[in-house]
Amino acid sequence: MSEEYSRLVGNIALREIINSLKSGEKTVNAIVEDLKKVSPSGITPLAVELYLWLLQQKGYVQAKGSGPNATYTITDKWKELESKAAK
């Protein structure tokens, strides 16, 4: 398993954001709602946006649109990293 993958999925918030996006394209608010199902305290929309920004900078997530209506999806780069880690 790659060090990068281990660091990303080792962070509970990042792991749950990625898990949320595995079911398809979502807005920040939809991701926040998904995270409430995992943890009653959830995570703030600002924190989710910051994590998504980090994932975008690494090329693992892409955004369509901007502002509060932007939607996010997992990229092929993430899928490759995850499949390599599974081997």
C-alpha atoms as a PDB file:
ATOM      1  CA  MET A   1       0.000   0.000   0.000  1.00  0.00           C
ATOM      2  CA  SER A   2       1.416   3.390  -0.934  1.00  0.00           C
ATOM      3  CA  GLU A   3       2.374   5.885   1.748  1.00  0.00           C
ATOM      4  CA  GLU A   4       0.172   8.559   0.122  1.00  0.00           C
ATOM      5  CA  TYR A   5      -2.887   6.302   0.169  1.00  0.00           C
ATOM      6  CA  SER A   6      -2.229   5.300   3.775  1.00  0.00           C
ATOM      7  CA  ARG A   7      -1.977   8.934   4.867  1.00  0.00           C
ATOM      8  CA  LEU A   8      -5.193   9.878   3.094  1.00  0.00           C
ATOM      9  CA  VAL A   9      -7.351   7.015   4.316  1.00  0.00           C
ATOM     10  CA  GLY A  10      -5.739   7.253   7.754  1.00  0.00           C
ATOM     11  CA  ASN A  11      -7.483  10.600   8.146  1.00  0.00           C
ATOM     12  CA  ILE A  12     -11.048   9.712   9.112  1.00  0.00           C
ATOM     13  CA  ALA A  13     -12.585  12.847   7.590  1.00  0.00           C
ATOM     14  CA  LEU A  14     -10.789  12.399   4.260  1.00  0.00           C
ATOM     15  CA  ARG A  15     -11.704   8.719   4.158  1.00  0.00           C
ATOM     16  CA  GLU A  16     -15.381   9.464   4.780  1.00  0.00           C
ATOM     17  CA  ILE A  17     -15.425  12.262   2.179  1.00  0.00           C
ATOM     18  CA  ILE A  18     -13.981   9.856  -0.399  1.00  0.00           C
ATOM     19  CA  ASN A  19     -16.496   7.181   0.656  1.00  0.00           C
ATOM     20  CA  SER A  20     -19.308   9.698   0.219  1.00  0.00           C
ATOM     21  CA  LEU A  21     -18.118  10.560  -3.278  1.00  0.00           C
ATOM     22  CA  LYS A  22     -17.919   6.906  -4.310  1.00  0.00           C
ATOM     23  CA  SER A  23     -21.686   6.915  -4.764  1.00  0.00           C
ATOM     24  CA  GLY A  24     -21.436   9.740  -7.300  1.00  0.00           C
ATOM     25  CA  GLU A  25     -21.257  13.471  -7.801  1.00  0.00           C
ATOM     26  CA  LYS A  26     -22.122  15.522  -4.700  1.00  0.00           C
ATOM     27  CA  THR A  27     -22.196  19.052  -3.335  1.00  0.00           C
ATOM     28  CA  VAL A  28     -20.448  20.056  -0.113  1.00  0.00           C
ATOM     29  CA  ASN A  29     -23.799  20.059   1.723  1.00  0.00           C
ATOM     30  CA  ALA A  30     -24.597  16.532   0.519  1.00  0.00           C
ATOM     31  CA  ILE A  31     -21.201  15.334   1.751  1.00  0.00           C
ATOM     32  CA  VAL A  32     -21.790  17.045   5.118  1.00  0.00           C
ATOM     33  CA  GLU A  33     -25.114  15.191   5.416  1.00  0.00           C
ATOM     34  CA  ASP A  34     -23.424  11.868   4.589  1.00  0.00           C
ATOM     35  CA  LEU A  35     -20.809  12.507   7.272  1.00  0.00           C
ATOM     36  CA  LYS A  36     -23.555  13.088   9.854  1.00  0.00           C
ATOM     37  CA  LYS A  37     -24.614   9.470   9.277  1.00  0.00           C
ATOM     38  CA  VAL A  38     -21.130   8.328  10.313  1.00  0.00           C
ATOM     39  CA  SER A  39     -20.618  10.763  13.187  1.00  0.00           C
ATOM     40  CA  PRO A  40     -23.437  12.617  14.944  1.00  0.00           C
ATOM     41  CA  SER A  41     -21.224  15.685  15.359  1.00  0.00           C
ATOM     42  CA  GLY A  42     -20.371  15.540  11.666  1.00  0.00           C
ATOM     43  CA  ILE A  43     -17.939  18.027  10.156  1.00  0.00           C
ATOM     44  CA  THR A  44     -18.499  21.644   9.182  1.00  0.00           C
ATOM     45  CA  PRO A  45     -19.048  22.625   5.550  1.00  0.00           C
ATOM     46  CA  LEU A  46     -15.896  24.777   5.697  1.00  0.00           C
ATOM     47  CA  ALA A  47     -13.816  21.809   6.832  1.00  0.00           C
ATOM     48  CA  VAL A  48     -15.281  19.666   4.028  1.00  0.00           C
ATOM     49  CA  GLU A  49     -14.449  22.412   1.511  1.00  0.00           C
ATOM     50  CA  LEU A  50     -10.866  22.534   2.777  1.00  0.00           C
ATOM     51  CA  TYR A  51     -10.475  18.766   2.523  1.00  0.00           C
ATOM     52  CA  LEU A  52     -11.955  18.842  -0.992  1.00  0.00           C
ATOM     53  CA  TRP A  53      -9.515  21.609  -1.932  1.00  0.00           C
ATOM     54  CA  LEU A  54      -6.637  19.438  -0.716  1.00  0.00           C
ATOM     55  CA  LEU A  55      -7.913  16.453  -2.697  1.00  0.00           C
ATOM     56  CA  GLN A  56      -8.321  18.676  -5.782  1.00  0.00           C
ATOM     57  CA  GLN A  57      -4.739  19.928  -5.479  1.00  0.00           C
ATOM     58  CA  LYS A  58      -3.542  16.324  -5.482  1.00  0.00           C
ATOM     59  CA  GLY A  59      -5.753  15.507  -8.471  1.00  0.00           C
ATOM     60  CA  TYR A  60      -7.967  13.001  -6.643  1.00  0.00           C
ATOM     61  CA  VAL A  61     -11.182  15.024  -6.839  1.00  0.00           C
ATOM     62  CA  GLN A  62     -12.533  17.392  -9.464  1.00  0.00           C
ATOM     63  CA  ALA A  63     -15.114  20.131  -9.153  1.00  0.00           C
ATOM     64  CA  LYS A  64     -17.791  21.084 -11.628  1.00  0.00           C
ATOM     65  CA  GLY A  65     -19.029  24.633 -11.168  1.00  0.00           C
ATOM     66  CA  SER A  66     -18.104  26.929  -8.334  1.00  0.00           C
ATOM     67  CA  GLY A  67     -19.471  28.284  -5.109  1.00  0.00           C
ATOM     68  CA  PRO A  68     -22.087  26.523  -3.004  1.00  0.00           C
ATOM     69  CA  ASN A  69     -23.568  24.716  -6.013  1.00  0.00           C
ATOM     70  CA  ALA A  70     -20.274  23.149  -7.120  1.00  0.00           C
ATOM     71  CA  THR A  71     -20.343  19.373  -7.392  1.00  0.00           C
ATOM     72  CA  TYR A  72     -17.404  17.090  -6.726  1.00  0.00           C
ATOM     73  CA  THR A  73     -16.415  13.711  -8.118  1.00  0.00           C
ATOM     74  CA  ILE A  74     -13.566  11.265  -7.645  1.00  0.00           C
ATOM     75  CA  THR A  75     -11.036  11.241 -10.486  1.00  0.00           C
ATOM     76  CA  ASP A  76      -9.424   8.315 -12.254  1.00  0.00           C
ATOM     77  CA  LYS A  77      -6.187   9.224 -10.460  1.00  0.00           C
ATOM     78  CA  TRP A  78      -7.835   8.355  -7.118  1.00  0.00           C
ATOM     79  CA  LYS A  79      -9.286   5.156  -8.543  1.00  0.00           C
ATOM     80  CA  GLU A  80      -5.809   4.110  -9.726  1.00  0.00           C
ATOM     81  CA  LEU A  81      -4.254   4.876  -6.337  1.00  0.00           C
ATOM     82  CA  GLU A  82      -6.974   2.901  -4.588  1.00  0.00           C
ATOM     83  CA  SER A  83      -6.702  -0.084  -6.932  1.00  0.00           C
ATOM     84  CA  LYS A  84      -2.914  -0.212  -6.504  1.00  0.00           C
ATOM     85  CA  ALA A  85      -3.367  -0.122  -2.727  1.00  0.00           C
ATOM     86  CA  ALA A  86      -5.797  -3.031  -2.865  1.00  0.00           C
ATOM     87  CA  LYS A  87      -3.196  -5.307  -4.473  1.00  0.00           C
END
